[in-house]
N, C-alpha and C. Protein backbone atom coordinates (compact mmCIF):
# COMPACT_ATOMS: atom_id res chain seq x y z
N MET A 1 -5.62 5.14 12.83
CA MET A 1 -4.41 3.97 12.23
C MET A 1 -3.28 4.97 12.71
N ARG A 2 -2.23 4.44 12.76
CA ARG A 2 -0.61 4.31 13.02
C ARG A 2 -0.26 3.20 11.25
N ALA A 3 0.44 4.35 10.28
CA ALA A 3 0.78 4.13 8.70
C ALA A 3 2.39 4.37 9.23
N GLN A 4 2.85 3.56 8.23
CA GLN A 4 4.44 3.23 7.43
C GLN A 4 4.04 4.10 5.97
N LEU A 5 5.61 4.99 6.05
CA LEU A 5 5.43 5.56 5.14
C LEU A 5 7.01 5.87 4.40
N MET A 6 6.41 4.87 3.51
CA MET A 6 8.37 4.44 1.98
C MET A 6 8.87 4.28 1.36
N CYS A 7 9.21 5.89 1.19
CA CYS A 7 9.64 7.13 -0.35
C CYS A 7 10.99 6.13 -0.30
N LEU A 8 10.63 6.12 -1.81
CA LEU A 8 11.65 5.40 -3.00
C LEU A 8 12.62 6.16 -3.66
N TRP A 9 12.80 6.90 -3.29
CA TRP A 9 13.79 7.92 -4.85
C TRP A 9 13.90 7.44 -5.50
N ARG A 10 14.69 8.14 -6.52
CA ARG A 10 14.89 7.67 -8.12
C ARG A 10 16.82 7.39 -8.78
N ASP A 11 17.26 7.97 -7.35
CA ASP A 11 18.14 7.18 -7.29
C ASP A 11 18.49 6.44 -6.49
N GLN A 12 17.59 5.43 -6.01
CA GLN A 12 17.69 4.46 -4.71
C GLN A 12 17.92 4.58 -3.89
N ARG A 13 18.18 5.92 -2.73
CA ARG A 13 18.20 6.04 -1.90
C ARG A 13 16.31 5.84 -1.29
N MET A 14 16.72 5.76 -0.19
CA MET A 14 14.73 5.46 0.37
C MET A 14 14.91 5.70 2.00
N SER A 15 13.54 5.84 1.96
CA SER A 15 13.24 7.99 3.48
C SER A 15 12.13 6.87 4.64
N SER A 16 11.87 7.19 5.16
CA SER A 16 11.31 6.43 6.14
C SER A 16 10.07 7.34 7.04
N ILE A 17 9.28 7.64 7.05
CA ILE A 17 8.03 8.47 8.35
C ILE A 17 6.78 7.59 9.22
N SER A 18 6.63 7.86 9.79
CA SER A 18 5.64 7.00 10.21
C SER A 18 3.96 8.59 10.72
N THR A 19 2.88 8.46 10.31
CA THR A 19 2.26 9.50 10.03
C THR A 19 1.44 9.00 11.35
N ASP A 20 0.53 10.94 11.82
CA ASP A 20 0.12 10.54 13.12
C ASP A 20 -0.75 9.19 13.08
N GLU A 21 -1.39 9.60 14.55
CA GLU A 21 -2.91 8.94 14.71
C GLU A 21 -4.23 8.38 13.84
N LYS A 22 -3.93 10.40 13.13
CA LYS A 22 -5.28 10.33 12.00
C LYS A 22 -4.84 9.75 10.78
N GLY A 23 -3.55 9.67 11.12
CA GLY A 23 -2.52 8.98 9.56
C GLY A 23 -2.16 9.77 8.60
N CYS A 24 -2.20 10.66 9.51
CA CYS A 24 -1.28 11.83 8.26
C CYS A 24 0.15 12.19 8.08
N ALA A 25 0.58 12.43 7.64
CA ALA A 25 2.58 12.93 7.39
C ALA A 25 2.78 14.04 6.57
N VAL A 26 3.98 14.41 6.81
CA VAL A 26 3.90 15.22 6.15
C VAL A 26 6.10 15.63 6.05
N LEU A 27 5.98 15.07 4.23
CA LEU A 27 7.70 14.40 3.98
C LEU A 27 7.84 15.68 3.29
N GLU A 28 8.98 16.52 2.76
CA GLU A 28 9.78 18.06 2.49
C GLU A 28 10.28 17.20 1.17
N LEU A 29 10.47 17.18 0.56
CA LEU A 29 11.41 16.53 -0.67
C LEU A 29 11.62 17.45 -1.58
N PRO A 30 12.68 16.82 -2.07
CA PRO A 30 12.82 17.78 -3.62
C PRO A 30 12.65 17.23 -4.71
N GLU A 31 12.24 18.69 -5.62
CA GLU A 31 11.67 18.51 -7.72
C GLU A 31 12.09 17.25 -7.21
N GLY A 32 11.22 16.57 -7.84
CA GLY A 32 11.58 14.80 -8.32
C GLY A 32 10.45 13.85 -8.62
N ALA A 33 10.17 12.69 -8.77
CA ALA A 33 8.67 11.68 -9.08
C ALA A 33 9.64 10.70 -8.22
N TYR A 34 8.80 10.32 -7.52
CA TYR A 34 9.21 9.83 -6.17
C TYR A 34 8.45 8.11 -6.18
N ASP A 35 8.84 6.98 -5.67
CA ASP A 35 7.40 5.79 -5.45
C ASP A 35 7.69 6.11 -3.64
N LEU A 36 6.34 6.15 -4.02
CA LEU A 36 5.82 5.53 -1.98
C LEU A 36 5.21 3.91 -1.68
N VAL A 37 5.15 3.65 -0.35
CA VAL A 37 4.81 2.46 -0.03
C VAL A 37 4.17 2.79 1.07
N VAL A 38 3.10 2.19 1.19
CA VAL A 38 2.12 2.58 2.73
C VAL A 38 1.71 1.19 2.89
N SER A 39 2.71 1.10 4.49
CA SER A 39 2.62 -0.45 4.73
C SER A 39 1.94 0.37 6.25
N ALA A 40 0.71 -0.72 7.37
CA ALA A 40 0.09 -0.22 8.50
C ALA A 40 -0.45 -1.81 8.74
N LYS A 41 -0.81 -2.74 10.33
CA LYS A 41 -0.64 -2.74 10.67
C LYS A 41 -1.88 -3.48 10.67
N GLY A 42 -2.27 -4.86 9.74
CA GLY A 42 -3.78 -5.12 9.69
C GLY A 42 -4.67 -4.86 7.78
N TYR A 43 -3.88 -3.70 7.44
CA TYR A 43 -3.95 -3.62 6.24
C TYR A 43 -2.34 -4.35 4.90
N LEU A 44 -3.16 -4.60 3.65
CA LEU A 44 -2.27 -4.96 2.90
C LEU A 44 -1.63 -3.57 2.25
N SER A 45 -0.30 -3.65 1.81
CA SER A 45 0.47 -1.93 1.66
C SER A 45 0.16 -1.66 -0.16
N MET A 46 -0.27 -0.19 -0.08
CA MET A 46 -0.31 -0.33 -0.90
C MET A 46 1.26 0.79 -1.54
N LEU A 47 1.31 0.95 -2.84
CA LEU A 47 1.53 1.07 -3.96
C LEU A 47 1.96 1.77 -4.74
N ILE A 48 1.86 3.40 -4.41
CA ILE A 48 1.67 4.18 -5.17
C ILE A 48 2.86 5.00 -6.11
N ARG A 49 3.05 4.23 -7.46
CA ARG A 49 4.26 5.18 -7.82
C ARG A 49 4.22 6.79 -9.16
N GLY A 50 5.33 7.06 -9.24
CA GLY A 50 5.90 7.57 -9.94
C GLY A 50 5.13 9.26 -8.95
N VAL A 51 5.39 9.63 -8.10
CA VAL A 51 4.23 10.90 -7.44
C VAL A 51 5.42 11.57 -7.18
N GLY A 52 4.64 13.32 -7.86
CA GLY A 52 5.29 13.58 -8.36
C GLY A 52 5.34 15.01 -7.92
N VAL A 53 6.67 15.83 -7.19
CA VAL A 53 6.78 17.17 -6.69
C VAL A 53 7.90 18.20 -7.22
N LEU A 54 7.05 19.16 -6.87
CA LEU A 54 7.38 20.36 -7.65
C LEU A 54 7.82 21.14 -7.06
N GLY A 55 8.74 21.22 -7.22
CA GLY A 55 9.23 22.70 -5.72
C GLY A 55 8.71 23.47 -6.20
N GLY A 56 9.65 24.43 -4.64
CA GLY A 56 7.71 25.11 -4.35
C GLY A 56 6.26 25.16 -4.20
N ALA A 57 5.80 24.03 -4.66
CA ALA A 57 4.83 23.77 -4.06
C ALA A 57 4.57 22.57 -2.66
N ARG A 58 2.90 22.37 -2.98
CA ARG A 58 3.00 22.00 -1.08
C ARG A 58 1.77 20.78 -2.34
N THR A 59 1.92 19.81 -2.05
CA THR A 59 0.74 18.27 -3.03
C THR A 59 0.33 18.05 -2.01
N GLU A 60 -1.21 17.52 -1.94
CA GLU A 60 -1.77 16.72 -0.12
C GLU A 60 -1.74 15.45 -1.49
N MET A 61 -2.37 14.78 -0.55
CA MET A 61 -2.46 13.04 -1.54
C MET A 61 -3.72 12.89 0.23
N MET A 62 -4.37 11.43 -0.86
CA MET A 62 -5.01 10.84 0.61
C MET A 62 -5.79 10.21 -0.38
N ARG A 63 -5.01 8.25 0.64
CA ARG A 63 -5.29 7.11 0.17
C ARG A 63 -5.89 5.86 1.52
N GLY A 64 -6.57 5.16 1.22
CA GLY A 64 -7.66 4.48 2.23
C GLY A 64 -6.64 3.19 1.94
N LEU A 65 -6.79 2.80 2.98
CA LEU A 65 -5.94 0.62 2.76
C LEU A 65 -6.84 -0.04 3.15
N VAL A 66 -6.10 -1.18 1.87
CA VAL A 66 -7.74 -1.98 2.30
C VAL A 66 -7.53 -2.93 3.61
N VAL A 67 -7.81 -3.67 4.59
CA VAL A 67 -7.86 -4.54 5.06
C VAL A 67 -6.91 -5.50 4.44
N GLY A 68 -6.24 -6.06 4.62
CA GLY A 68 -5.43 -7.39 4.40
C GLY A 68 -6.28 -8.68 3.87
N GLU A 69 -6.16 -9.35 3.46
CA GLU A 69 -7.34 -11.06 2.99
C GLU A 69 -6.26 -11.79 4.19
N GLY A 70 -7.50 -12.16 4.69
CA GLY A 70 -6.79 -12.86 6.18
C GLY A 70 -6.29 -13.61 7.35
N ARG A 71 -5.80 -11.59 7.24
CA ARG A 71 -5.50 -11.09 8.45
C ARG A 71 -6.57 -9.97 9.27
N SER A 72 -6.46 -10.31 10.42
CA SER A 72 -7.17 -10.06 11.08
C SER A 72 -6.79 -8.45 11.38
N GLU A 73 -6.91 -7.51 12.29
CA GLU A 73 -6.15 -6.22 13.01
C GLU A 73 -5.04 -6.48 12.99
N ASP A 74 -6.03 -7.87 14.04
CA ASP A 74 -5.01 -7.36 15.19
C ASP A 74 -2.92 -7.86 14.67
N GLU A 75 -3.42 -9.26 14.71
CA GLU A 75 -1.91 -9.50 13.39
C GLU A 75 -0.76 -8.42 12.67
N ALA A 76 -0.51 -9.53 13.07
CA ALA A 76 1.05 -8.37 12.02
C ALA A 76 0.59 -8.68 10.36
N PRO A 77 1.22 -7.07 10.39
CA PRO A 77 0.83 -7.15 8.58
C PRO A 77 1.85 -7.54 7.43
N SER A 78 1.14 -7.03 7.07
CA SER A 78 2.07 -7.71 5.56
C SER A 78 3.68 -6.78 4.95
N THR A 79 4.00 -7.08 3.94
CA THR A 79 5.20 -5.73 4.51
C THR A 79 5.21 -5.88 2.57
N ALA A 80 6.44 -5.43 1.94
CA ALA A 80 6.18 -5.05 0.50
C ALA A 80 7.78 -5.31 0.75
N LEU A 81 8.79 -5.71 -0.35
CA LEU A 81 9.33 -6.03 -0.99
C LEU A 81 9.72 -5.71 -2.34
N GLY A 82 10.88 -4.48 -2.30
CA GLY A 82 11.39 -5.00 -2.74
C GLY A 82 12.89 -4.01 -3.98
N GLY A 83 13.50 -3.60 -4.55
CA GLY A 83 14.79 -3.81 -4.93
C GLY A 83 14.88 -3.27 -6.70
N TYR A 84 16.52 -3.70 -7.19
CA TYR A 84 16.35 -2.94 -7.65
C TYR A 84 17.94 -4.50 -8.61
N ILE A 85 17.39 -5.06 -9.98
CA ILE A 85 17.58 -5.23 -10.70
C ILE A 85 18.68 -5.44 -11.31
N ARG A 86 20.53 -5.59 -11.60
CA ARG A 86 20.87 -4.29 -12.38
C ARG A 86 21.83 -5.86 -13.04
N ASP A 87 22.57 -5.55 -14.00
CA ASP A 87 23.42 -6.52 -14.70
C ASP A 87 25.30 -5.83 -13.82
N ARG A 88 26.35 -6.98 -14.72
CA ARG A 88 27.42 -6.84 -13.55
C ARG A 88 27.83 -5.59 -13.42
N LEU A 89 27.68 -5.03 -14.60
CA LEU A 89 28.42 -3.94 -14.64
C LEU A 89 27.26 -2.20 -14.23
N GLY A 90 26.26 -2.93 -13.16
CA GLY A 90 25.88 -1.80 -13.08
C GLY A 90 24.52 -1.30 -13.53
N HIS A 91 24.36 -1.71 -14.69
CA HIS A 91 23.96 -1.12 -15.70
C HIS A 91 21.28 -1.70 -14.84
N PRO A 92 20.64 -0.58 -15.41
CA PRO A 92 19.27 -1.42 -14.65
C PRO A 92 18.75 -2.53 -15.47
N LEU A 93 18.38 -3.67 -15.15
CA LEU A 93 17.55 -4.30 -16.77
C LEU A 93 17.06 -4.38 -15.63
N GLY A 94 15.79 -4.03 -17.26
CA GLY A 94 14.30 -3.95 -17.23
C GLY A 94 13.26 -4.93 -17.75
N ASN A 95 11.88 -5.54 -18.24
CA ASN A 95 11.38 -6.48 -18.49
C ASN A 95 12.01 -8.10 -17.74
N ILE A 96 12.01 -7.78 -16.57
CA ILE A 96 12.83 -9.08 -16.28
C ILE A 96 11.86 -9.28 -14.96
N LEU A 97 11.05 -10.79 -14.98
CA LEU A 97 10.26 -11.47 -14.67
C LEU A 97 10.86 -11.94 -13.17
N VAL A 98 10.57 -11.14 -11.34
CA VAL A 98 10.84 -11.84 -10.19
C VAL A 98 10.14 -12.61 -9.64
N GLN A 99 9.19 -13.46 -9.50
CA GLN A 99 9.11 -14.43 -9.21
C GLN A 99 10.19 -15.35 -6.81
N VAL A 100 8.73 -15.31 -6.33
CA VAL A 100 9.58 -15.40 -5.31
C VAL A 100 8.30 -16.02 -5.02
N VAL A 101 8.74 -17.52 -4.44
CA VAL A 101 7.84 -18.66 -4.14
C VAL A 101 8.34 -18.32 -1.81
N SER A 102 7.14 -19.22 -1.81
CA SER A 102 7.58 -19.24 0.28
C SER A 102 7.72 -20.83 -0.35
N LYS A 103 8.63 -20.83 1.04
CA LYS A 103 9.18 -22.43 1.52
C LYS A 103 8.98 -22.55 2.68
N SER A 104 7.71 -21.55 3.46
CA SER A 104 6.88 -22.37 4.72
C SER A 104 7.39 -23.44 5.06
N ALA A 105 7.33 -23.43 6.50
CA ALA A 105 7.17 -25.19 6.51
C ALA A 105 5.70 -25.76 6.59
N SER A 106 4.39 -24.31 6.72
CA SER A 106 3.62 -24.35 7.00
C SER A 106 2.45 -24.66 5.00
N LEU A 107 2.54 -26.20 5.77
CA LEU A 107 1.23 -26.42 3.66
C LEU A 107 0.56 -25.43 3.70
N ILE A 108 -0.22 -24.68 4.25
CA ILE A 108 -1.20 -24.08 3.02
C ILE A 108 0.18 -22.66 2.09
N GLU A 109 1.24 -21.98 3.11
CA GLU A 109 1.58 -21.88 2.79
C GLU A 109 2.25 -21.57 1.38
N THR A 110 3.54 -23.34 1.39
CA THR A 110 4.21 -23.17 0.60
C THR A 110 4.33 -23.48 -0.47
N GLY A 111 4.61 -23.49 -1.21
CA GLY A 111 4.70 -22.43 -2.23
C GLY A 111 4.03 -21.83 -3.47
N LYS A 112 3.41 -20.57 -2.11
CA LYS A 112 3.05 -19.47 -2.71
C LYS A 112 3.65 -18.46 -3.56
N THR A 113 3.54 -17.86 -4.78
CA THR A 113 4.61 -17.25 -5.38
C THR A 113 4.27 -15.78 -6.19
N TYR A 114 4.60 -15.44 -5.41
CA TYR A 114 4.47 -13.34 -5.04
C TYR A 114 5.26 -13.09 -6.67
N VAL A 115 4.63 -12.61 -8.24
CA VAL A 115 5.14 -12.34 -8.70
C VAL A 115 5.18 -10.62 -8.97
N ALA A 116 6.70 -10.34 -10.03
CA ALA A 116 6.61 -8.72 -10.86
C ALA A 116 7.57 -8.64 -11.55
N ARG A 117 7.48 -7.80 -12.31
CA ARG A 117 8.15 -7.37 -13.43
C ARG A 117 9.02 -6.57 -13.26
N THR A 118 10.34 -6.29 -13.69
CA THR A 118 11.47 -4.60 -13.46
C THR A 118 10.91 -3.76 -14.49
N ASP A 119 11.01 -2.64 -13.74
CA ASP A 119 10.51 -1.25 -14.56
C ASP A 119 11.89 -1.38 -15.97
N SER A 120 11.64 0.12 -16.52
CA SER A 120 12.80 0.01 -17.53
C SER A 120 14.16 0.23 -16.14
N ARG A 121 14.08 1.18 -14.98
CA ARG A 121 14.77 1.19 -13.95
C ARG A 121 15.36 -0.17 -13.06
N GLY A 122 14.92 -1.27 -13.20
CA GLY A 122 15.74 -3.01 -12.86
C GLY A 122 14.67 -2.42 -12.01
N ALA A 123 13.50 -1.45 -11.37
CA ALA A 123 13.14 -1.54 -9.70
C ALA A 123 12.16 -2.84 -10.46
N TYR A 124 11.56 -3.27 -8.57
CA TYR A 124 10.13 -4.21 -9.34
C TYR A 124 9.91 -4.03 -7.22
N VAL A 125 8.62 -4.14 -7.40
CA VAL A 125 7.76 -3.80 -5.89
C VAL A 125 7.29 -4.88 -5.89
N ILE A 126 6.76 -5.03 -5.12
CA ILE A 126 6.36 -7.09 -5.08
C ILE A 126 4.95 -6.66 -3.66
N HIS A 127 4.06 -6.65 -3.44
CA HIS A 127 3.47 -6.05 -2.16
C HIS A 127 2.46 -8.08 -1.99
N GLY A 128 2.22 -7.99 0.41
CA GLY A 128 1.54 -8.51 0.68
C GLY A 128 3.02 -9.42 1.73
N ILE A 129 4.09 -9.50 1.28
CA ILE A 129 4.32 -10.25 1.71
C ILE A 129 4.74 -10.79 3.18
N GLY A 130 4.04 -11.74 3.84
CA GLY A 130 4.72 -12.25 5.42
C GLY A 130 6.41 -12.50 6.00
N CYS A 131 6.67 -12.35 7.07
CA CYS A 131 7.26 -13.93 7.63
C CYS A 131 7.44 -15.18 7.14
N GLY A 132 8.91 -15.82 6.69
CA GLY A 132 9.25 -17.20 6.49
C GLY A 132 10.24 -17.35 5.05
N GLU A 133 9.87 -17.87 4.93
CA GLU A 133 11.82 -18.38 3.66
C GLU A 133 10.97 -18.71 2.09
N TYR A 134 11.88 -18.01 1.22
CA TYR A 134 11.79 -17.78 -0.08
C TYR A 134 12.36 -18.18 -0.85
N GLU A 135 12.68 -17.67 -1.91
CA GLU A 135 13.09 -18.83 -2.75
C GLU A 135 12.85 -17.31 -3.54
N ILE A 136 13.96 -16.61 -3.64
CA ILE A 136 13.69 -15.31 -5.34
C ILE A 136 14.15 -15.73 -6.60
N ALA A 137 13.27 -15.92 -8.15
CA ALA A 137 14.09 -16.55 -8.83
C ALA A 137 13.60 -15.26 -10.34
N LEU A 138 14.50 -14.94 -11.23
CA LEU A 138 14.77 -13.82 -11.57
C LEU A 138 14.82 -14.64 -13.29
N ARG A 139 13.46 -14.46 -14.13
CA ARG A 139 13.77 -14.77 -15.45
C ARG A 139 13.38 -14.38 -16.48
N ALA A 140 14.16 -14.39 -17.54
CA ALA A 140 13.85 -13.28 -19.43
C ALA A 140 13.84 -14.58 -20.05
N ALA A 141 12.85 -14.22 -20.56
CA ALA A 141 12.51 -14.77 -21.71
C ALA A 141 12.05 -16.75 -21.29
N GLN A 142 12.43 -16.13 -20.38
CA GLN A 142 11.72 -18.51 -20.17
C GLN A 142 13.17 -18.62 -20.01
N ARG A 143 14.32 -17.72 -19.61
CA ARG A 143 15.13 -18.59 -19.06
C ARG A 143 15.34 -17.86 -17.56
N LEU A 144 16.14 -19.31 -17.11
CA LEU A 144 16.11 -18.51 -15.86
C LEU A 144 17.94 -17.63 -15.11
N LEU A 145 17.79 -16.78 -15.38
CA LEU A 145 19.02 -15.78 -14.98
C LEU A 145 19.41 -15.85 -12.94
N ALA A 146 19.14 -16.42 -12.43
CA ALA A 146 20.18 -16.56 -10.96
C ALA A 146 18.17 -16.79 -10.48
N ARG A 147 18.91 -17.23 -9.10
CA ARG A 147 17.87 -17.20 -7.99
C ARG A 147 19.16 -18.52 -6.26
N GLU A 148 18.31 -17.78 -5.82
CA GLU A 148 18.83 -17.53 -4.34
C GLU A 148 17.21 -18.06 -3.03
N PRO A 149 18.53 -17.36 -2.17
CA PRO A 149 17.04 -17.95 -0.90
C PRO A 149 17.32 -16.37 -0.51
N LEU A 150 15.76 -15.64 0.52
CA LEU A 150 15.30 -15.17 0.50
C LEU A 150 14.43 -15.34 2.00
N ARG A 151 15.18 -15.11 3.34
CA ARG A 151 14.83 -15.09 4.62
C ARG A 151 13.99 -13.03 4.51
N ILE A 152 12.56 -13.33 5.15
CA ILE A 152 12.24 -12.45 5.89
C ILE A 152 11.71 -12.39 7.82
N ALA A 153 12.49 -11.93 8.28
CA ALA A 153 12.61 -11.88 9.40
C ALA A 153 11.84 -11.26 10.50
N ASP A 154 11.84 -9.48 9.61
CA ASP A 154 10.80 -8.81 10.32
C ASP A 154 9.98 -7.55 8.57
N ILE A 155 8.63 -7.97 10.06
CA ILE A 155 7.84 -7.67 8.28
C ILE A 155 6.97 -6.01 8.53
N SER A 156 7.96 -4.98 10.12
CA SER A 156 7.70 -3.51 10.57
C SER A 156 8.04 -3.38 9.25
N SER A 157 8.97 -3.08 7.94
CA SER A 157 10.02 -2.24 7.52
C SER A 157 9.31 -2.56 6.02
N PHE A 158 9.64 -1.95 5.01
CA PHE A 158 10.23 -2.60 3.76
C PHE A 158 11.45 -3.19 3.61
N VAL A 159 11.30 -4.27 2.91
CA VAL A 159 12.20 -4.81 2.52
C VAL A 159 12.95 -4.34 1.47
N ARG A 160 14.36 -4.76 1.45
CA ARG A 160 14.77 -4.12 0.70
C ARG A 160 15.46 -5.17 0.05
N ARG A 161 15.55 -6.51 -0.99
CA ARG A 161 16.99 -7.34 -2.09
C ARG A 161 17.50 -6.90 -3.14
N ASP A 162 18.39 -6.01 -3.70
CA ASP A 162 19.27 -5.59 -4.94
C ASP A 162 19.68 -6.84 -5.12
N VAL A 163 19.50 -7.84 -7.30
CA VAL A 163 21.27 -8.38 -6.63
C VAL A 163 21.03 -7.63 -7.81
N VAL A 164 22.56 -7.57 -8.23
CA VAL A 164 23.22 -7.89 -8.88
C VAL A 164 24.42 -9.18 -10.13
N LEU A 165 23.25 -8.77 -11.34
CA LEU A 165 23.83 -10.39 -11.84
C LEU A 165 25.23 -10.46 -12.18
N ARG A 166 25.42 -11.40 -11.74
CA ARG A 166 27.09 -12.40 -12.51
C ARG A 166 27.60 -12.88 -14.20
């Protein structure tokens, strides 16, 4: 099985690599902490937060992906949506509720809601999102901070959506 491995650097950079047929990949990263997103056709995406890399050391990880709910292995996979929420001065906003609501034409999918909360760096990741029209809403203490449309047309890679509140 070939999978896509997306590395989210703490300074907001991203890099990606595909695994070989056995699902193996080798990443050479500088010392630090990273978040990884693993996705493959027909499987739910997996987030692995806080992967530590020690300079000069080799770390091996093994993870198993789960077949996606309601999807066959022959169908297109879901993807992950993520990014950073910041104020107008560029400061990260932690503990912000991120709601993504489907606006798809399908009666089954319309209104489906995905939810995440930002961490102290303002980062969020939502898994299992397919192609379609969505609305992303940001809330803090029951107050709506922002609302904007979101279109996901391609799920072959991680979808990055940063928001700066005005």
